[in-house]
Amino acid sequence: MGLTAGPVPARVDASVKAGLLDLVDHATGSGWSRRKACRLLGLDEMRASRWAARREAERLTDAMPGGAALHAILDSERAAICDLFATWGDIDRSHRKLAARGSRVDMVHVSASTLRRVLADEQLIFPGKPAREPVPRSGWPDWLEWRPNRIWGYDFTHFTRAKSAVIAIIDIVSRKWVATVCSREETSTQVEIAFRQALQAEDLWEAADTAASDELITALVSGHTETLDATVDAGHRPLLLAISDNGPQMRSHTTREFLAGIAIARHFGRPGVPQDQAWIESLFGHIKGEWPHLEKIRDAGELATELQTVRQHYNTVRLHAAIGYVTPDDEHTGRGDAIRDHRQRGLARARANRIQYHRNNTKKKK
């Protein structure tokens, strides 16, 4: 029967139980007491009594452990969840919303996790979000020149501890961080201040006044590409192109009129595609990633001062990978090509020197 010396194990199969009970019955039939027989067999007397009752009901085989949870959902609730999914799944598209919907319409009252588990068991999957119609990226205007101070990008970022919104302007070609304005507000006023500072820093006010003819201002205010192209063909070229996202400060009529008055054309990225403003987004990423202390500052005035220090370092010390590992100030002032050429000549010269050295100093093998 698989018995060993010592007490009967906690778990034995039905054949062992039946054998033990037969031994107890045989012993009691021969004049032994039930207690003495159980003690000799290493079997608890109460356990033997339970087994005997189960033998009468032919249930000596143990049931599966665990059983069913008393709070388990009913088959009718499972069916209601499937009906709820069929009716509302394509509208709610979320197990949390669908669970709330079931209570709202009195179809079934279950938790979100229970509903999700039932849907998984039934292999019911929420439909995905409808695909958005792809919008082609608009190209650069034909009149644009790819050189510094011809394409500027600008955007806002936030420093929550200082409760400040910061607008920055970057030159797309040279990657120079041209201007920064730190403010509690985020309106077209900050956009105007930033561009005034940028024009002042780059000494472009006179060029802006010269370029801002009445014809060009009218074309820029209209916002029509065809009108602007016709004006450019007539000899009225904008000072530069300003790239931004579709924020309300950038789209506002006030901003449009101000930029038109200083001969700056506008170019907007596609909604929901921050890659179209990758230059300014990259700038903000580097600022917050390489100078993390900025996000710990709580005073807006201190933040503005620190940003000016960081901007100076960014423009004149930090080497920028996107422009061949020169500083933005080098690229902006036209020194970038000479620095990159000097490096290439230095690498070639060093290689030639190493080859010459090893030829002259390496001993020939015998």
Protein backbone atom coordinates (compact mmCIF):
# COMPACT_ATOMS: atom_id res chain seq x y z
CA MET A 1 0.00 0.00 0.00
CA GLY A 2 3.02 2.27 0.03
CA LEU A 3 3.09 2.63 3.81
CA THR A 4 6.33 3.30 5.66
CA ALA A 5 7.20 3.34 9.33
CA GLY A 6 5.84 6.35 11.15
CA PRO A 7 2.64 8.42 10.89
CA VAL A 8 0.49 8.28 7.79
CA PRO A 9 1.42 11.16 5.43
CA ALA A 10 -0.88 14.15 5.13
CA ARG A 11 -1.79 13.22 1.55
CA VAL A 12 -2.44 9.62 0.43
CA ASP A 13 -4.46 8.30 -2.47
CA ALA A 14 -7.78 6.44 -2.26
CA SER A 15 -6.23 2.94 -2.42
CA VAL A 16 -4.07 3.63 0.66
CA LYS A 17 -7.05 4.99 2.56
CA ALA A 18 -9.11 1.91 1.68
CA GLY A 19 -6.27 -0.40 2.74
CA LEU A 20 -5.83 1.33 6.08
CA LEU A 21 -9.55 1.19 6.79
CA ASP A 22 -9.58 -2.57 5.94
CA LEU A 23 -6.74 -3.12 8.42
CA VAL A 24 -8.62 -1.19 11.11
CA ASP A 25 -11.79 -3.21 10.42
CA HIS A 26 -9.83 -6.47 10.54
CA ALA A 27 -8.20 -5.48 13.85
CA THR A 28 -11.49 -4.45 15.48
CA GLY A 29 -13.08 -7.69 14.24
CA SER A 30 -10.32 -9.62 16.00
CA GLY A 31 -11.02 -7.95 19.34
CA TRP A 32 -8.76 -4.89 19.11
CA SER A 33 -10.07 -1.48 20.02
CA ARG A 34 -10.31 1.07 17.20
CA ARG A 35 -8.00 3.48 19.03
CA LYS A 36 -5.31 0.82 19.52
CA ALA A 37 -5.42 -0.21 15.88
CA CYS A 38 -5.14 3.41 14.64
CA ARG A 39 -2.26 4.11 17.02
CA LEU A 40 -0.39 1.06 15.78
CA LEU A 41 -0.90 2.10 12.15
CA GLY A 42 0.18 5.72 12.83
CA LEU A 43 -3.27 6.97 11.83
CA ASP A 44 -5.23 9.63 13.68
CA GLU A 45 -8.53 8.14 14.96
CA MET A 46 -10.60 11.16 13.89
CA ARG A 47 -9.05 10.97 10.44
CA ALA A 48 -9.97 7.31 10.20
CA SER A 49 -13.56 8.18 11.14
CA ARG A 50 -13.77 10.80 8.37
CA TRP A 51 -12.36 8.33 5.86
CA ALA A 52 -14.90 5.73 6.92
CA ALA A 53 -17.77 8.21 6.33
CA ARG A 54 -16.34 9.13 2.92
CA ARG A 55 -15.99 5.41 2.06
CA GLU A 56 -19.69 4.96 2.65
CA ALA A 57 -20.34 7.83 0.17
CA GLU A 58 -17.72 6.45 -2.24
CA ARG A 59 -15.68 9.70 -2.03
CA LEU A 60 -12.30 8.51 -0.86
CA THR A 61 -10.53 10.23 -3.78
CA ASP A 62 -9.45 13.75 -2.80
CA ALA A 63 -11.00 16.65 -4.70
CA MET A 64 -8.80 19.18 -6.49
CA PRO A 65 -7.36 21.72 -4.00
CA GLY A 66 -8.57 25.30 -3.96
CA GLY A 67 -12.15 24.96 -5.06
CA ALA A 68 -14.04 27.97 -6.45
CA ALA A 69 -13.94 31.50 -5.05
CA LEU A 70 -17.16 32.48 -3.35
CA HIS A 71 -17.04 35.88 -5.07
CA ALA A 72 -16.35 34.47 -8.55
CA ILE A 73 -18.45 36.02 -11.31
CA LEU A 74 -21.49 34.14 -12.51
CA ASP A 75 -21.95 32.66 -15.96
CA SER A 76 -24.70 35.20 -16.58
CA GLU A 77 -22.28 38.04 -15.74
CA ARG A 78 -19.68 36.60 -18.10
CA ALA A 79 -22.28 36.53 -20.88
CA ALA A 80 -23.30 40.11 -20.02
CA ILE A 81 -19.67 41.24 -20.33
CA CYS A 82 -19.50 39.73 -23.81
CA ASP A 83 -22.74 41.48 -24.77
CA LEU A 84 -21.43 44.73 -23.33
CA PHE A 85 -18.27 44.42 -25.40
CA ALA A 86 -20.27 43.75 -28.56
CA THR A 87 -22.44 46.82 -27.96
CA TRP A 88 -20.00 49.38 -26.56
CA GLY A 89 -16.48 48.03 -27.25
CA ASP A 90 -15.90 50.04 -30.41
CA ILE A 91 -17.03 53.21 -28.63
CA ASP A 92 -15.28 52.97 -25.27
CA ARG A 93 -12.08 51.18 -26.49
CA SER A 94 -10.88 50.67 -22.90
CA HIS A 95 -11.57 48.04 -20.24
CA ARG A 96 -11.86 50.77 -17.60
CA LYS A 97 -14.38 52.76 -19.60
CA LEU A 98 -16.28 49.62 -20.52
CA ALA A 99 -16.54 48.54 -16.87
CA ALA A 100 -17.91 51.98 -16.00
CA ARG A 101 -20.26 51.74 -18.98
CA GLY A 102 -21.60 48.40 -17.73
CA SER A 103 -22.59 49.98 -14.42
CA ARG A 104 -23.95 53.07 -16.16
CA VAL A 105 -26.36 51.10 -18.38
CA ASP A 106 -27.03 48.45 -15.66
CA MET A 107 -25.84 45.56 -17.83
CA VAL A 108 -23.18 44.21 -15.46
CA HIS A 109 -21.40 45.47 -12.34
CA VAL A 110 -17.80 44.24 -12.30
CA SER A 111 -14.41 45.80 -11.71
CA ALA A 112 -12.20 46.86 -14.61
CA SER A 113 -9.68 44.11 -13.86
CA THR A 114 -12.40 41.43 -13.85
CA LEU A 115 -13.79 42.69 -17.14
CA ARG A 116 -10.33 42.70 -18.67
CA ARG A 117 -9.69 39.12 -17.50
CA VAL A 118 -12.99 37.91 -18.97
CA LEU A 119 -12.28 39.61 -22.30
CA ALA A 120 -8.85 37.95 -22.37
CA ASP A 121 -10.40 34.54 -21.67
CA GLU A 122 -12.91 35.08 -24.47
CA GLN A 123 -10.18 36.46 -26.80
CA LEU A 124 -12.07 39.71 -27.30
CA ILE A 125 -9.80 42.59 -28.31
CA PHE A 126 -10.67 46.26 -28.40
CA PRO A 127 -10.38 47.88 -31.83
CA GLY A 128 -7.38 50.16 -32.25
CA LYS A 129 -7.55 53.88 -32.80
CA PRO A 130 -8.50 54.85 -36.33
CA ALA A 131 -5.52 55.70 -38.47
CA ARG A 132 -4.97 59.41 -39.04
CA GLU A 133 -4.78 60.67 -42.56
CA PRO A 134 -1.08 61.26 -43.26
CA VAL A 135 -0.26 64.89 -43.93
CA PRO A 136 2.70 65.47 -46.25
CA ARG A 137 5.38 67.74 -44.91
CA SER A 138 5.48 71.06 -46.69
CA GLY A 139 8.79 71.89 -48.30
CA TRP A 140 10.96 74.95 -47.84
CA PRO A 141 9.98 77.99 -49.92
CA ASP A 142 12.04 78.57 -53.06
CA TRP A 143 13.26 81.98 -51.90
CA LEU A 144 14.91 80.56 -48.77
CA GLU A 145 18.71 80.63 -48.45
CA TRP A 146 20.45 77.96 -46.35
CA ARG A 147 22.79 80.10 -44.31
CA PRO A 148 22.83 81.64 -40.82
CA ASN A 149 20.16 84.20 -39.93
CA ARG A 150 17.82 82.95 -42.63
CA ILE A 151 15.89 80.26 -40.73
CA TRP A 152 14.97 80.58 -37.07
CA GLY A 153 13.02 78.10 -34.98
CA TYR A 154 11.21 79.05 -31.79
CA ASP A 155 9.05 77.39 -29.16
CA PHE A 156 8.12 77.41 -25.47
CA THR A 157 9.20 75.02 -22.75
CA HIS A 158 8.29 74.96 -19.07
CA PHE A 159 10.21 74.93 -15.81
CA THR A 160 7.50 73.96 -13.36
CA ARG A 161 9.34 74.59 -10.09
CA ALA A 162 10.10 78.15 -11.12
CA LYS A 163 6.55 78.44 -12.51
CA SER A 164 8.01 79.86 -15.71
CA ALA A 165 7.49 79.46 -19.43
CA VAL A 166 10.66 79.97 -21.47
CA ILE A 167 10.68 80.85 -25.15
CA ALA A 168 13.89 80.23 -27.07
CA ILE A 169 14.95 81.10 -30.62
CA ILE A 170 17.54 78.96 -32.40
CA ASP A 171 19.21 79.44 -35.76
CA ILE A 172 18.42 76.27 -37.71
CA VAL A 173 21.55 76.40 -39.88
CA SER A 174 24.22 77.21 -37.29
CA ARG A 175 22.30 75.85 -34.25
CA LYS A 176 23.07 79.07 -32.39
CA TRP A 177 20.79 79.76 -29.44
CA VAL A 178 19.91 83.31 -30.38
CA ALA A 179 17.57 84.57 -27.66
CA THR A 180 15.65 83.52 -24.55
CA VAL A 181 12.77 85.06 -22.62
CA CYS A 182 11.68 83.73 -19.24
CA SER A 183 8.19 84.73 -18.10
CA ARG A 184 5.22 83.66 -16.02
CA GLU A 185 3.05 84.03 -19.11
CA GLU A 186 3.01 82.29 -22.47
CA THR A 187 1.47 84.70 -24.97
CA SER A 188 2.23 86.53 -28.20
CA THR A 189 3.84 89.25 -26.08
CA GLN A 190 6.68 86.91 -25.13
CA VAL A 191 7.08 85.95 -28.79
CA GLU A 192 7.44 89.62 -29.71
CA ILE A 193 9.97 90.29 -26.95
CA ALA A 194 12.04 87.27 -27.95
CA PHE A 195 12.21 88.30 -31.60
CA ARG A 196 13.09 91.88 -30.68
CA GLN A 197 15.97 90.60 -28.57
CA ALA A 198 17.09 88.25 -31.36
CA LEU A 199 17.10 90.98 -34.01
CA GLN A 200 18.98 93.27 -31.64
CA ALA A 201 21.56 90.56 -30.81
CA GLU A 202 22.16 89.76 -34.49
CA ASP A 203 22.14 93.42 -35.57
CA LEU A 204 19.30 92.83 -38.04
CA TRP A 205 17.00 95.75 -37.26
CA GLU A 206 18.21 97.81 -40.20
CA ALA A 207 17.91 94.83 -42.55
CA ALA A 208 14.38 94.20 -41.25
CA ASP A 209 13.35 97.81 -41.88
CA THR A 210 14.79 97.64 -45.39
CA ALA A 211 13.06 94.35 -46.24
CA ALA A 212 9.66 95.29 -44.75
CA SER A 213 8.09 96.92 -47.79
CA ASP A 214 4.37 97.59 -47.84
CA GLU A 215 3.86 94.89 -50.49
CA LEU A 216 5.71 92.28 -48.43
CA ILE A 217 3.91 93.17 -45.20
CA THR A 218 0.54 92.85 -46.94
CA ALA A 219 1.51 89.45 -48.38
CA LEU A 220 2.77 88.15 -45.02
CA VAL A 221 -0.32 89.34 -43.16
CA SER A 222 -2.57 87.61 -45.70
CA GLY A 223 -1.02 84.24 -44.88
CA HIS A 224 -1.47 82.97 -48.44
CA THR A 225 1.52 81.16 -49.91
CA GLU A 226 0.62 82.10 -53.48
CA THR A 227 0.44 85.80 -52.60
CA LEU A 228 3.81 85.65 -50.84
CA ASP A 229 5.43 83.81 -53.76
CA ALA A 230 4.16 86.43 -56.20
CA THR A 231 5.49 89.19 -53.96
CA VAL A 232 8.90 87.49 -53.74
CA ASP A 233 8.98 87.15 -57.53
CA ALA A 234 8.40 90.89 -57.70
CA GLY A 235 11.59 91.44 -55.69
CA HIS A 236 10.28 91.69 -52.13
CA ARG A 237 12.11 88.97 -50.18
CA PRO A 238 11.44 88.26 -46.46
CA LEU A 239 14.30 88.78 -44.05
CA LEU A 240 14.07 85.24 -42.72
CA LEU A 241 11.72 82.30 -42.07
CA ALA A 242 10.45 81.51 -38.55
CA ILE A 243 9.52 77.89 -37.85
CA SER A 244 7.19 76.88 -35.03
CA ASP A 245 4.46 74.47 -34.00
CA ASN A 246 0.76 75.33 -34.09
CA GLY A 247 0.46 76.81 -30.61
CA PRO A 248 -2.06 79.62 -30.10
CA GLN A 249 0.75 82.12 -29.45
CA MET A 250 2.30 81.28 -32.84
CA ARG A 251 -0.98 81.23 -34.74
CA SER A 252 -2.40 84.40 -33.22
CA HIS A 253 -3.20 87.38 -35.41
CA THR A 254 -1.03 89.58 -33.17
CA THR A 255 2.04 87.43 -33.79
CA ARG A 256 1.35 87.32 -37.52
CA GLU A 257 1.12 91.10 -37.77
CA PHE A 258 4.23 91.65 -35.66
CA LEU A 259 6.37 89.22 -37.67
CA ALA A 260 5.05 90.66 -40.92
CA GLY A 261 6.06 94.13 -39.76
CA ILE A 262 9.69 93.00 -39.42
CA ALA A 263 9.66 91.06 -42.71
CA ILE A 264 9.65 87.58 -41.16
CA ALA A 265 7.70 84.82 -42.88
CA ARG A 266 6.17 81.96 -40.90
CA HIS A 267 6.32 78.20 -41.39
CA PHE A 268 4.31 75.76 -39.26
CA GLY A 269 4.95 72.10 -38.59
CA ARG A 270 2.28 69.46 -38.95
CA PRO A 271 -0.08 69.11 -35.97
CA GLY A 272 1.03 66.29 -33.69
CA VAL A 273 4.42 65.90 -35.41
CA PRO A 274 7.09 67.47 -33.14
CA GLN A 275 9.77 66.11 -35.48
CA ASP A 276 9.00 69.03 -37.79
CA GLN A 277 10.48 71.26 -35.08
CA ALA A 278 13.31 68.85 -34.23
CA TRP A 279 15.93 71.61 -33.91
CA ILE A 280 14.23 73.52 -31.12
CA GLU A 281 13.03 70.31 -29.43
CA SER A 282 16.61 69.03 -29.46
CA LEU A 283 17.79 72.30 -27.91
CA PHE A 284 15.36 71.97 -25.02
CA GLY A 285 16.34 68.33 -24.55
CA HIS A 286 20.03 69.24 -24.30
CA ILE A 287 19.36 72.15 -21.94
CA LYS A 288 17.37 70.07 -19.47
CA GLY A 289 19.50 66.97 -19.88
CA GLU A 290 22.95 68.55 -19.58
CA TRP A 291 22.04 71.21 -17.01
CA PRO A 292 19.54 69.40 -14.75
CA HIS A 293 19.91 71.97 -11.99
CA LEU A 294 17.77 74.35 -14.05
CA GLU A 295 14.65 72.32 -13.30
CA LYS A 296 15.35 72.56 -9.55
CA ILE A 297 15.41 76.36 -9.48
CA ARG A 298 12.33 77.87 -7.84
CA ASP A 299 12.94 81.57 -8.44
CA ALA A 300 12.08 82.90 -11.91
CA GLY A 301 14.76 85.62 -11.77
CA GLU A 302 17.46 83.12 -10.84
CA LEU A 303 16.29 80.84 -13.66
CA ALA A 304 16.59 83.67 -16.20
CA THR A 305 20.13 84.44 -15.03
CA GLU A 306 21.17 80.79 -15.18
CA LEU A 307 19.69 80.41 -18.67
CA GLN A 308 21.84 83.29 -19.93
CA THR A 309 24.95 81.58 -18.51
CA VAL A 310 23.97 78.28 -20.06
CA ARG A 311 23.24 79.96 -23.40
CA GLN A 312 26.73 81.49 -23.47
CA HIS A 313 28.30 78.09 -22.76
CA TYR A 314 26.07 76.37 -25.33
CA ASN A 315 27.01 78.81 -28.08
CA THR A 316 30.73 79.24 -27.46
CA VAL A 317 32.06 76.18 -25.59
CA ARG A 318 29.91 73.12 -26.22
CA LEU A 319 30.75 71.29 -29.45
CA HIS A 320 27.65 70.44 -31.49
CA ALA A 321 27.55 67.07 -33.24
CA ALA A 322 25.05 68.15 -35.92
CA ILE A 323 27.42 70.79 -37.33
CA GLY A 324 30.60 68.73 -37.35
CA TYR A 325 31.74 69.22 -33.74
CA VAL A 326 32.27 72.94 -33.77
CA THR A 327 30.48 75.43 -31.57
CA PRO A 328 27.31 77.12 -32.82
CA ASP A 329 29.13 80.45 -32.62
CA ASP A 330 31.88 79.06 -34.91
CA GLU A 331 29.32 77.96 -37.45
CA HIS A 332 27.29 81.14 -37.15
CA THR A 333 30.28 83.40 -37.83
CA GLY A 334 31.63 81.30 -40.70
CA ARG A 335 34.60 79.72 -38.90
CA GLY A 336 33.12 76.22 -38.96
CA ASP A 337 34.46 75.17 -42.37
CA ALA A 338 37.99 76.29 -41.53
CA ILE A 339 37.94 74.43 -38.19
CA ARG A 340 36.65 71.23 -39.77
CA ASP A 341 39.23 71.45 -42.60
CA HIS A 342 42.00 72.05 -40.05
CA ARG A 343 40.95 68.92 -38.18
CA GLN A 344 40.94 66.81 -41.34
CA ARG A 345 44.37 68.09 -42.36
CA GLY A 346 45.64 67.43 -38.83
CA LEU A 347 44.35 63.86 -38.91
CA ALA A 348 46.00 63.24 -42.28
CA ARG A 349 49.26 64.80 -41.12
CA ALA A 350 49.28 62.74 -37.90
CA ARG A 351 48.65 59.55 -39.87
CA ALA A 352 51.50 60.33 -42.23
CA ASN A 353 53.81 61.06 -39.28
CA ARG A 354 52.94 57.75 -37.62
CA ILE A 355 53.60 55.82 -40.82
CA GLN A 356 56.94 57.58 -41.31
CA TYR A 357 57.95 56.95 -37.71
CA HIS A 358 57.21 53.24 -37.81
CA ARG A 359 59.01 52.84 -41.13
CA ASN A 360 62.14 54.44 -39.75
CA ASN A 361 62.14 52.94 -36.26
CA THR A 362 60.74 49.43 -36.57
CA LYS A 363 63.54 46.82 -36.72
CA LYS A 364 63.49 44.51 -39.69
CA LYS A 365 62.82 40.92 -38.84
CA LYS A 366 65.72 38.54 -39.63
